[in-house]
Amino acid sequence: TIVVPMDHGVTVGPIDGLVDMREAVGKV
């Protein structure tokens, strides 16, 4: 499997790459 975690926002806020979530998910 290739899993891409995108749960970082709770820990450190909206970091680069995870601002627009539809775009972030769409890319992977």
mmCIF file of all heavy atoms, coordinates in Angstrom:
data_MODEL
# 
_entry.id   MODEL 
# 
loop_
_atom_site.group_PDB 
_atom_site.id 
_atom_site.type_symbol 
_atom_site.label_atom_id 
_atom_site.label_alt_id 
_atom_site.label_comp_id 
_atom_site.label_asym_id 
_atom_site.label_entity_id 
_atom_site.label_seq_id 
_atom_site.pdbx_PDB_ins_code 
_atom_site.Cartn_x 
_atom_site.Cartn_y 
_atom_site.Cartn_z 
_atom_site.occupancy 
_atom_site.B_iso_or_equiv 
_atom_site.pdbx_formal_charge 
_atom_site.auth_seq_id 
_atom_site.auth_comp_id 
_atom_site.auth_asym_id 
_atom_site.auth_atom_id 
_atom_site.pdbx_PDB_model_num 
ATOM 1   N N   . THR A 1 1  ? 0.810   -1.212 0.000  1.00 0.00 ? 1  THR A N   1 
ATOM 2   C CA  . THR A 1 1  ? 0.000   0.000  0.000  1.00 0.00 ? 1  THR A CA  1 
ATOM 3   C C   . THR A 1 1  ? 0.843   1.263  0.000  1.00 0.00 ? 1  THR A C   1 
ATOM 4   O O   . THR A 1 1  ? 1.973   1.275  0.508  1.00 0.00 ? 1  THR A O   1 
ATOM 5   C CB  . THR A 1 1  ? -0.941  0.017  1.218  1.00 0.00 ? 1  THR A CB  1 
ATOM 6   O OG1 . THR A 1 1  ? -1.858  1.116  1.111  1.00 0.00 ? 1  THR A OG1 1 
ATOM 7   C CG2 . THR A 1 1  ? -0.162  0.142  2.528  1.00 0.00 ? 1  THR A CG2 1 
ATOM 8   N N   . ILE A 1 2  ? 0.280   2.322  -0.577 1.00 0.00 ? 2  ILE A N   1 
ATOM 9   C CA  . ILE A 1 2  ? 0.825   3.680  -0.499 1.00 0.00 ? 2  ILE A CA  1 
ATOM 10  C C   . ILE A 1 2  ? -0.240  4.530  0.185  1.00 0.00 ? 2  ILE A C   1 
ATOM 11  O O   . ILE A 1 2  ? -1.270  4.860  -0.403 1.00 0.00 ? 2  ILE A O   1 
ATOM 12  C CB  . ILE A 1 2  ? 1.140   4.250  -1.895 1.00 0.00 ? 2  ILE A CB  1 
ATOM 13  C CG1 . ILE A 1 2  ? 2.196   3.395  -2.603 1.00 0.00 ? 2  ILE A CG1 1 
ATOM 14  C CG2 . ILE A 1 2  ? 1.603   5.701  -1.792 1.00 0.00 ? 2  ILE A CG2 1 
ATOM 15  C CD1 . ILE A 1 2  ? 2.403   3.765  -4.065 1.00 0.00 ? 2  ILE A CD1 1 
ATOM 16  N N   . VAL A 1 3  ? 0.003   4.845  1.445  1.00 0.00 ? 3  VAL A N   1 
ATOM 17  C CA  . VAL A 1 3  ? -0.930  5.652  2.234  1.00 0.00 ? 3  VAL A CA  1 
ATOM 18  C C   . VAL A 1 3  ? -0.323  7.038  2.431  1.00 0.00 ? 3  VAL A C   1 
ATOM 19  O O   . VAL A 1 3  ? 0.871   7.164  2.728  1.00 0.00 ? 3  VAL A O   1 
ATOM 20  C CB  . VAL A 1 3  ? -1.197  5.002  3.608  1.00 0.00 ? 3  VAL A CB  1 
ATOM 21  C CG1 . VAL A 1 3  ? -2.141  5.866  4.441  1.00 0.00 ? 3  VAL A CG1 1 
ATOM 22  C CG2 . VAL A 1 3  ? -1.768  3.591  3.447  1.00 0.00 ? 3  VAL A CG2 1 
ATOM 23  N N   . VAL A 1 4  ? -1.140  8.063  2.268  1.00 0.00 ? 4  VAL A N   1 
ATOM 24  C CA  . VAL A 1 4  ? -0.679  9.438  2.475  1.00 0.00 ? 4  VAL A CA  1 
ATOM 25  C C   . VAL A 1 4  ? -1.462  10.050 3.635  1.00 0.00 ? 4  VAL A C   1 
ATOM 26  O O   . VAL A 1 4  ? -2.620  10.431 3.473  1.00 0.00 ? 4  VAL A O   1 
ATOM 27  C CB  . VAL A 1 4  ? -0.835  10.290 1.209  1.00 0.00 ? 4  VAL A CB  1 
ATOM 28  C CG1 . VAL A 1 4  ? -0.264  11.691 1.454  1.00 0.00 ? 4  VAL A CG1 1 
ATOM 29  C CG2 . VAL A 1 4  ? -0.150  9.631  0.015  1.00 0.00 ? 4  VAL A CG2 1 
ATOM 30  N N   . PRO A 1 5  ? -0.855  10.146 4.808  1.00 0.00 ? 5  PRO A N   1 
ATOM 31  C CA  . PRO A 1 5  ? -1.536  10.791 5.935  1.00 0.00 ? 5  PRO A CA  1 
ATOM 32  C C   . PRO A 1 5  ? -1.698  12.295 5.676  1.00 0.00 ? 5  PRO A C   1 
ATOM 33  O O   . PRO A 1 5  ? -0.768  12.950 5.214  1.00 0.00 ? 5  PRO A O   1 
ATOM 34  C CB  . PRO A 1 5  ? -0.586  10.547 7.115  1.00 0.00 ? 5  PRO A CB  1 
ATOM 35  C CG  . PRO A 1 5  ? 0.310   9.438  6.684  1.00 0.00 ? 5  PRO A CG  1 
ATOM 36  C CD  . PRO A 1 5  ? 0.442   9.587  5.206  1.00 0.00 ? 5  PRO A CD  1 
ATOM 37  N N   . MET A 1 6  ? -2.878  12.805 6.011  1.00 0.00 ? 6  MET A N   1 
ATOM 38  C CA  . MET A 1 6  ? -3.155  14.231 5.892  1.00 0.00 ? 6  MET A CA  1 
ATOM 39  C C   . MET A 1 6  ? -3.824  14.727 7.167  1.00 0.00 ? 6  MET A C   1 
ATOM 40  O O   . MET A 1 6  ? -4.681  15.616 7.144  1.00 0.00 ? 6  MET A O   1 
ATOM 41  C CB  . MET A 1 6  ? -4.035  14.492 4.666  1.00 0.00 ? 6  MET A CB  1 
ATOM 42  C CG  . MET A 1 6  ? -3.355  14.142 3.352  1.00 0.00 ? 6  MET A CG  1 
ATOM 43  S SD  . MET A 1 6  ? -4.375  14.543 1.917  1.00 0.00 ? 6  MET A SD  1 
ATOM 44  C CE  . MET A 1 6  ? -3.185  14.298 0.571  1.00 0.00 ? 6  MET A CE  1 
ATOM 45  N N   . ASP A 1 7  ? -3.406  14.170 8.294  1.00 0.00 ? 7  ASP A N   1 
ATOM 46  C CA  . ASP A 1 7  ? -3.995  14.487 9.593  1.00 0.00 ? 7  ASP A CA  1 
ATOM 47  C C   . ASP A 1 7  ? -3.167  15.512 10.374 1.00 0.00 ? 7  ASP A C   1 
ATOM 48  O O   . ASP A 1 7  ? -3.411  15.741 11.558 1.00 0.00 ? 7  ASP A O   1 
ATOM 49  C CB  . ASP A 1 7  ? -4.123  13.205 10.417 1.00 0.00 ? 7  ASP A CB  1 
ATOM 50  C CG  . ASP A 1 7  ? -2.776  12.515 10.632 1.00 0.00 ? 7  ASP A CG  1 
ATOM 51  O OD1 . ASP A 1 7  ? -2.011  12.398 9.657  1.00 0.00 ? 7  ASP A OD1 1 
ATOM 52  O OD2 . ASP A 1 7  ? -2.482  12.092 11.766 1.00 0.00 ? 7  ASP A OD2 1 
ATOM 53  N N   . HIS A 1 8  ? -2.209  16.154 9.714  1.00 0.00 ? 8  HIS A N   1 
ATOM 54  C CA  . HIS A 1 8  ? -1.250  17.023 10.395 1.00 0.00 ? 8  HIS A CA  1 
ATOM 55  C C   . HIS A 1 8  ? -1.862  18.314 10.952 1.00 0.00 ? 8  HIS A C   1 
ATOM 56  O O   . HIS A 1 8  ? -1.284  18.953 11.834 1.00 0.00 ? 8  HIS A O   1 
ATOM 57  C CB  . HIS A 1 8  ? -0.122  17.394 9.431  1.00 0.00 ? 8  HIS A CB  1 
ATOM 58  C CG  . HIS A 1 8  ? 0.619   16.227 8.873  1.00 0.00 ? 8  HIS A CG  1 
ATOM 59  N ND1 . HIS A 1 8  ? 0.009   15.264 8.091  1.00 0.00 ? 8  HIS A ND1 1 
ATOM 60  C CD2 . HIS A 1 8  ? 1.927   15.863 8.969  1.00 0.00 ? 8  HIS A CD2 1 
ATOM 61  C CE1 . HIS A 1 8  ? 0.908   14.364 7.737  1.00 0.00 ? 8  HIS A CE1 1 
ATOM 62  N NE2 . HIS A 1 8  ? 2.067   14.699 8.254  1.00 0.00 ? 8  HIS A NE2 1 
ATOM 63  N N   . GLY A 1 9  ? -3.008  18.733 10.424 1.00 0.00 ? 9  GLY A N   1 
ATOM 64  C CA  . GLY A 1 9  ? -3.577  20.020 10.796 1.00 0.00 ? 9  GLY A CA  1 
ATOM 65  C C   . GLY A 1 9  ? -3.887  20.156 12.272 1.00 0.00 ? 9  GLY A C   1 
ATOM 66  O O   . GLY A 1 9  ? -3.726  21.238 12.846 1.00 0.00 ? 9  GLY A O   1 
ATOM 67  N N   . VAL A 1 10 ? -4.342  19.080 12.905 1.00 0.00 ? 10 VAL A N   1 
ATOM 68  C CA  . VAL A 1 10 ? -4.619  19.143 14.333 1.00 0.00 ? 10 VAL A CA  1 
ATOM 69  C C   . VAL A 1 10 ? -3.322  19.370 15.105 1.00 0.00 ? 10 VAL A C   1 
ATOM 70  O O   . VAL A 1 10 ? -3.266  20.157 16.045 1.00 0.00 ? 10 VAL A O   1 
ATOM 71  C CB  . VAL A 1 10 ? -5.317  17.855 14.821 1.00 0.00 ? 10 VAL A CB  1 
ATOM 72  C CG1 . VAL A 1 10 ? -5.385  17.827 16.348 1.00 0.00 ? 10 VAL A CG1 1 
ATOM 73  C CG2 . VAL A 1 10 ? -6.723  17.765 14.245 1.00 0.00 ? 10 VAL A CG2 1 
ATOM 74  N N   . THR A 1 11 ? -2.256  18.722 14.684 1.00 0.00 ? 11 THR A N   1 
ATOM 75  C CA  . THR A 1 11 ? -0.995  18.810 15.400 1.00 0.00 ? 11 THR A CA  1 
ATOM 76  C C   . THR A 1 11 ? -0.299  20.139 15.192 1.00 0.00 ? 11 THR A C   1 
ATOM 77  O O   . THR A 1 11 ? 0.139   20.789 16.155 1.00 0.00 ? 11 THR A O   1 
ATOM 78  C CB  . THR A 1 11 ? -0.050  17.674 14.956 1.00 0.00 ? 11 THR A CB  1 
ATOM 79  O OG1 . THR A 1 11 ? -0.722  16.419 15.104 1.00 0.00 ? 11 THR A OG1 1 
ATOM 80  C CG2 . THR A 1 11 ? 1.215   17.661 15.801 1.00 0.00 ? 11 THR A CG2 1 
ATOM 81  N N   . VAL A 1 12 ? -0.184  20.590 13.944 1.00 0.00 ? 12 VAL A N   1 
ATOM 82  C CA  . VAL A 1 12 ? 0.645   21.763 13.646 1.00 0.00 ? 12 VAL A CA  1 
ATOM 83  C C   . VAL A 1 12 ? -0.072  22.836 12.839 1.00 0.00 ? 12 VAL A C   1 
ATOM 84  O O   . VAL A 1 12 ? 0.541   23.835 12.454 1.00 0.00 ? 12 VAL A O   1 
ATOM 85  C CB  . VAL A 1 12 ? 1.938   21.349 12.908 1.00 0.00 ? 12 VAL A CB  1 
ATOM 86  C CG1 . VAL A 1 12 ? 2.823   20.503 13.799 1.00 0.00 ? 12 VAL A CG1 1 
ATOM 87  C CG2 . VAL A 1 12 ? 1.616   20.598 11.615 1.00 0.00 ? 12 VAL A CG2 1 
ATOM 88  N N   . GLY A 1 13 ? -1.345  22.663 12.539 1.00 0.00 ? 13 GLY A N   1 
ATOM 89  C CA  . GLY A 1 13 ? -2.073  23.670 11.776 1.00 0.00 ? 13 GLY A CA  1 
ATOM 90  C C   . GLY A 1 13 ? -2.035  23.415 10.281 1.00 0.00 ? 13 GLY A C   1 
ATOM 91  O O   . GLY A 1 13 ? -1.529  22.388 9.815  1.00 0.00 ? 13 GLY A O   1 
ATOM 92  N N   . PRO A 1 14 ? -2.567  24.353 9.481  1.00 0.00 ? 14 PRO A N   1 
ATOM 93  C CA  . PRO A 1 14 ? -2.666  24.164 8.025  1.00 0.00 ? 14 PRO A CA  1 
ATOM 94  C C   . PRO A 1 14 ? -1.327  24.408 7.324  1.00 0.00 ? 14 PRO A C   1 
ATOM 95  O O   . PRO A 1 14 ? -1.063  25.476 6.781  1.00 0.00 ? 14 PRO A O   1 
ATOM 96  C CB  . PRO A 1 14 ? -3.711  25.210 7.613  1.00 0.00 ? 14 PRO A CB  1 
ATOM 97  C CG  . PRO A 1 14 ? -3.550  26.295 8.636  1.00 0.00 ? 14 PRO A CG  1 
ATOM 98  C CD  . PRO A 1 14 ? -3.193  25.621 9.930  1.00 0.00 ? 14 PRO A CD  1 
ATOM 99  N N   . ILE A 1 15 ? -0.486  23.397 7.329  1.00 0.00 ? 15 ILE A N   1 
ATOM 100 C CA  . ILE A 1 15 ? 0.853   23.522 6.750  1.00 0.00 ? 15 ILE A CA  1 
ATOM 101 C C   . ILE A 1 15 ? 0.805   23.462 5.225  1.00 0.00 ? 15 ILE A C   1 
ATOM 102 O O   . ILE A 1 15 ? -0.198  23.057 4.628  1.00 0.00 ? 15 ILE A O   1 
ATOM 103 C CB  . ILE A 1 15 ? 1.802   22.437 7.296  1.00 0.00 ? 15 ILE A CB  1 
ATOM 104 C CG1 . ILE A 1 15 ? 1.255   21.035 6.999  1.00 0.00 ? 15 ILE A CG1 1 
ATOM 105 C CG2 . ILE A 1 15 ? 2.019   22.629 8.789  1.00 0.00 ? 15 ILE A CG2 1 
ATOM 106 C CD1 . ILE A 1 15 ? 2.205   19.914 7.414  1.00 0.00 ? 15 ILE A CD1 1 
ATOM 107 N N   . ASP A 1 16 ? 1.916   23.857 4.600  1.00 0.00 ? 16 ASP A N   1 
ATOM 108 C CA  . ASP A 1 16 ? 2.018   23.823 3.144  1.00 0.00 ? 16 ASP A CA  1 
ATOM 109 C C   . ASP A 1 16 ? 1.660   22.435 2.630  1.00 0.00 ? 16 ASP A C   1 
ATOM 110 O O   . ASP A 1 16 ? 2.125   21.419 3.147  1.00 0.00 ? 16 ASP A O   1 
ATOM 111 C CB  . ASP A 1 16 ? 3.439   24.169 2.705  1.00 0.00 ? 16 ASP A CB  1 
ATOM 112 C CG  . ASP A 1 16 ? 3.778   25.634 2.922  1.00 0.00 ? 16 ASP A CG  1 
ATOM 113 O OD1 . ASP A 1 16 ? 2.844   26.427 3.149  1.00 0.00 ? 16 ASP A OD1 1 
ATOM 114 O OD2 . ASP A 1 16 ? 4.979   25.980 2.869  1.00 0.00 ? 16 ASP A OD2 1 
ATOM 115 N N   . GLY A 1 17 ? 0.838   22.419 1.598  1.00 0.00 ? 17 GLY A N   1 
ATOM 116 C CA  . GLY A 1 17 ? 0.412   21.156 0.998  1.00 0.00 ? 17 GLY A CA  1 
ATOM 117 C C   . GLY A 1 17 ? -0.933  20.689 1.491  1.00 0.00 ? 17 GLY A C   1 
ATOM 118 O O   . GLY A 1 17 ? -1.560  19.830 0.874  1.00 0.00 ? 17 GLY A O   1 
ATOM 119 N N   . LEU A 1 18 ? -1.393  21.252 2.622  1.00 0.00 ? 18 LEU A N   1 
ATOM 120 C CA  . LEU A 1 18 ? -2.667  20.814 3.199  1.00 0.00 ? 18 LEU A CA  1 
ATOM 121 C C   . LEU A 1 18 ? -3.600  21.987 3.471  1.00 0.00 ? 18 LEU A C   1 
ATOM 122 O O   . LEU A 1 18 ? -4.367  21.966 4.428  1.00 0.00 ? 18 LEU A O   1 
ATOM 123 C CB  . LEU A 1 18 ? -2.425  20.039 4.504  1.00 0.00 ? 18 LEU A CB  1 
ATOM 124 C CG  . LEU A 1 18 ? -1.696  18.712 4.392  1.00 0.00 ? 18 LEU A CG  1 
ATOM 125 C CD1 . LEU A 1 18 ? -1.614  18.041 5.763  1.00 0.00 ? 18 LEU A CD1 1 
ATOM 126 C CD2 . LEU A 1 18 ? -2.372  17.773 3.394  1.00 0.00 ? 18 LEU A CD2 1 
ATOM 127 N N   . VAL A 1 19 ? -3.546  22.997 2.629  1.00 0.00 ? 19 VAL A N   1 
ATOM 128 C CA  . VAL A 1 19 ? -4.450  24.139 2.785  1.00 0.00 ? 19 VAL A CA  1 
ATOM 129 C C   . VAL A 1 19 ? -5.753  23.868 2.037  1.00 0.00 ? 19 VAL A C   1 
ATOM 130 O O   . VAL A 1 19 ? -6.836  23.884 2.616  1.00 0.00 ? 19 VAL A O   1 
ATOM 131 C CB  . VAL A 1 19 ? -3.789  25.441 2.299  1.00 0.00 ? 19 VAL A CB  1 
ATOM 132 C CG1 . VAL A 1 19 ? -4.781  26.601 2.386  1.00 0.00 ? 19 VAL A CG1 1 
ATOM 133 C CG2 . VAL A 1 19 ? -2.547  25.746 3.137  1.00 0.00 ? 19 VAL A CG2 1 
ATOM 134 N N   . ASP A 1 20 ? -5.656  23.588 0.753  1.00 0.00 ? 20 ASP A N   1 
ATOM 135 C CA  . ASP A 1 20 ? -6.813  23.205 -0.060 1.00 0.00 ? 20 ASP A CA  1 
ATOM 136 C C   . ASP A 1 20 ? -6.871  21.682 -0.079 1.00 0.00 ? 20 ASP A C   1 
ATOM 137 O O   . ASP A 1 20 ? -6.111  21.027 -0.797 1.00 0.00 ? 20 ASP A O   1 
ATOM 138 C CB  . ASP A 1 20 ? -6.660  23.759 -1.482 1.00 0.00 ? 20 ASP A CB  1 
ATOM 139 C CG  . ASP A 1 20 ? -7.870  23.480 -2.357 1.00 0.00 ? 20 ASP A CG  1 
ATOM 140 O OD1 . ASP A 1 20 ? -8.540  22.446 -2.158 1.00 0.00 ? 20 ASP A OD1 1 
ATOM 141 O OD2 . ASP A 1 20 ? -8.135  24.287 -3.260 1.00 0.00 ? 20 ASP A OD2 1 
ATOM 142 N N   . MET A 1 21 ? -7.768  21.109 0.706  1.00 0.00 ? 21 MET A N   1 
ATOM 143 C CA  . MET A 1 21 ? -7.763  19.657 0.883  1.00 0.00 ? 21 MET A CA  1 
ATOM 144 C C   . MET A 1 21 ? -8.240  18.900 -0.357 1.00 0.00 ? 21 MET A C   1 
ATOM 145 O O   . MET A 1 21 ? -7.747  17.818 -0.641 1.00 0.00 ? 21 MET A O   1 
ATOM 146 C CB  . MET A 1 21 ? -8.612  19.270 2.090  1.00 0.00 ? 21 MET A CB  1 
ATOM 147 C CG  . MET A 1 21 ? -7.964  19.627 3.421  1.00 0.00 ? 21 MET A CG  1 
ATOM 148 S SD  . MET A 1 21 ? -6.285  18.934 3.576  1.00 0.00 ? 21 MET A SD  1 
ATOM 149 C CE  . MET A 1 21 ? -6.636  17.187 3.385  1.00 0.00 ? 21 MET A CE  1 
ATOM 150 N N   . ARG A 1 22 ? -9.182  19.456 -1.102 1.00 0.00 ? 22 ARG A N   1 
ATOM 151 C CA  . ARG A 1 22 ? -9.607  18.759 -2.318 1.00 0.00 ? 22 ARG A CA  1 
ATOM 152 C C   . ARG A 1 22 ? -8.451  18.684 -3.312 1.00 0.00 ? 22 ARG A C   1 
ATOM 153 O O   . ARG A 1 22 ? -8.247  17.666 -3.975 1.00 0.00 ? 22 ARG A O   1 
ATOM 154 C CB  . ARG A 1 22 ? -10.816 19.457 -2.943 1.00 0.00 ? 22 ARG A CB  1 
ATOM 155 C CG  . ARG A 1 22 ? -12.104 19.228 -2.179 1.00 0.00 ? 22 ARG A CG  1 
ATOM 156 C CD  . ARG A 1 22 ? -13.321 19.794 -2.900 1.00 0.00 ? 22 ARG A CD  1 
ATOM 157 N NE  . ARG A 1 22 ? -14.530 19.515 -2.135 1.00 0.00 ? 22 ARG A NE  1 
ATOM 158 C CZ  . ARG A 1 22 ? -15.001 20.283 -1.172 1.00 0.00 ? 22 ARG A CZ  1 
ATOM 159 N NH1 . ARG A 1 22 ? -14.361 21.405 -0.861 1.00 0.00 ? 22 ARG A NH1 1 
ATOM 160 N NH2 . ARG A 1 22 ? -16.097 19.965 -0.514 1.00 0.00 ? 22 ARG A NH2 1 
ATOM 161 N N   . GLU A 1 23 ? -7.692  19.758 -3.391 1.00 0.00 ? 23 GLU A N   1 
ATOM 162 C CA  . GLU A 1 23 ? -6.536  19.759 -4.282 1.00 0.00 ? 23 GLU A CA  1 
ATOM 163 C C   . GLU A 1 23 ? -5.482  18.770 -3.786 1.00 0.00 ? 23 GLU A C   1 
ATOM 164 O O   . GLU A 1 23 ? -4.909  18.013 -4.583 1.00 0.00 ? 23 GLU A O   1 
ATOM 165 C CB  . GLU A 1 23 ? -5.946  21.164 -4.345 1.00 0.00 ? 23 GLU A CB  1 
ATOM 166 C CG  . GLU A 1 23 ? -4.715  21.261 -5.238 1.00 0.00 ? 23 GLU A CG  1 
ATOM 167 C CD  . GLU A 1 23 ? -4.121  22.658 -5.252 1.00 0.00 ? 23 GLU A CD  1 
ATOM 168 O OE1 . GLU A 1 23 ? -3.943  23.242 -4.165 1.00 0.00 ? 23 GLU A OE1 1 
ATOM 169 O OE2 . GLU A 1 23 ? -3.831  23.165 -6.346 1.00 0.00 ? 23 GLU A OE2 1 
ATOM 170 N N   . ALA A 1 24 ? -5.230  18.758 -2.475 1.00 0.00 ? 24 ALA A N   1 
ATOM 171 C CA  . ALA A 1 24 ? -4.218  17.858 -1.904 1.00 0.00 ? 24 ALA A CA  1 
ATOM 172 C C   . ALA A 1 24 ? -4.588  16.402 -2.147 1.00 0.00 ? 24 ALA A C   1 
ATOM 173 O O   . ALA A 1 24 ? -3.744  15.590 -2.567 1.00 0.00 ? 24 ALA A O   1 
ATOM 174 C CB  . ALA A 1 24 ? -4.061  18.133 -0.414 1.00 0.00 ? 24 ALA A CB  1 
ATOM 175 N N   . VAL A 1 25 ? -5.832  16.060 -1.876 1.00 0.00 ? 25 VAL A N   1 
ATOM 176 C CA  . VAL A 1 25 ? -6.275  14.680 -2.092 1.00 0.00 ? 25 VAL A CA  1 
ATOM 177 C C   . VAL A 1 25 ? -6.241  14.345 -3.575 1.00 0.00 ? 25 VAL A C   1 
ATOM 178 O O   . VAL A 1 25 ? -5.790  13.268 -3.978 1.00 0.00 ? 25 VAL A O   1 
ATOM 179 C CB  . VAL A 1 25 ? -7.689  14.464 -1.513 1.00 0.00 ? 25 VAL A CB  1 
ATOM 180 C CG1 . VAL A 1 25 ? -8.216  13.078 -1.894 1.00 0.00 ? 25 VAL A CG1 1 
ATOM 181 C CG2 . VAL A 1 25 ? -7.676  14.607 0.008  1.00 0.00 ? 25 VAL A CG2 1 
ATOM 182 N N   . GLY A 1 26 ? -6.705  15.270 -4.409 1.00 0.00 ? 26 GLY A N   1 
ATOM 183 C CA  . GLY A 1 26 ? -6.734  15.023 -5.854 1.00 0.00 ? 26 GLY A CA  1 
ATOM 184 C C   . GLY A 1 26 ? -5.370  14.715 -6.426 1.00 0.00 ? 26 GLY A C   1 
ATOM 185 O O   . GLY A 1 26 ? -5.235  13.845 -7.301 1.00 0.00 ? 26 GLY A O   1 
ATOM 186 N N   . LYS A 1 27 ? -4.334  15.389 -5.935 1.00 0.00 ? 27 LYS A N   1 
ATOM 187 C CA  . LYS A 1 27 ? -2.987  15.161 -6.454 1.00 0.00 ? 27 LYS A CA  1 
ATOM 188 C C   . LYS A 1 27 ? -2.502  13.747 -6.178 1.00 0.00 ? 27 LYS A C   1 
ATOM 189 O O   . LYS A 1 27 ? -1.893  13.101 -7.044 1.00 0.00 ? 27 LYS A O   1 
ATOM 190 C CB  . LYS A 1 27 ? -2.024  16.182 -5.856 1.00 0.00 ? 27 LYS A CB  1 
ATOM 191 C CG  . LYS A 1 27 ? -2.178  17.594 -6.415 1.00 0.00 ? 27 LYS A CG  1 
ATOM 192 C CD  . LYS A 1 27 ? -1.224  18.562 -5.743 1.00 0.00 ? 27 LYS A CD  1 
ATOM 193 C CE  . LYS A 1 27 ? -1.353  19.964 -6.320 1.00 0.00 ? 27 LYS A CE  1 
ATOM 194 N NZ  . LYS A 1 27 ? -0.458  20.934 -5.640 1.00 0.00 ? 27 LYS A NZ  1 
ATOM 195 N N   . VAL A 1 28 ? -2.743  13.236 -4.961 1.00 0.00 ? 28 VAL A N   1 
ATOM 196 C CA  . VAL A 1 28 ? -2.250  11.886 -4.661 1.00 0.00 ? 28 VAL A CA  1 
ATOM 197 C C   . VAL A 1 28 ? -3.145  10.818 -5.283 1.00 0.00 ? 28 VAL A C   1 
ATOM 198 O O   . VAL A 1 28 ? -2.670  9.726  -5.628 1.00 0.00 ? 28 VAL A O   1 
ATOM 199 C CB  . VAL A 1 28 ? -2.073  11.674 -3.141 1.00 0.00 ? 28 VAL A CB  1 
ATOM 200 C CG1 . VAL A 1 28 ? -1.085  12.683 -2.578 1.00 0.00 ? 28 VAL A CG1 1 
ATOM 201 C CG2 . VAL A 1 28 ? -3.387  11.720 -2.391 1.00 0.00 ? 28 VAL A CG2 1 
# 
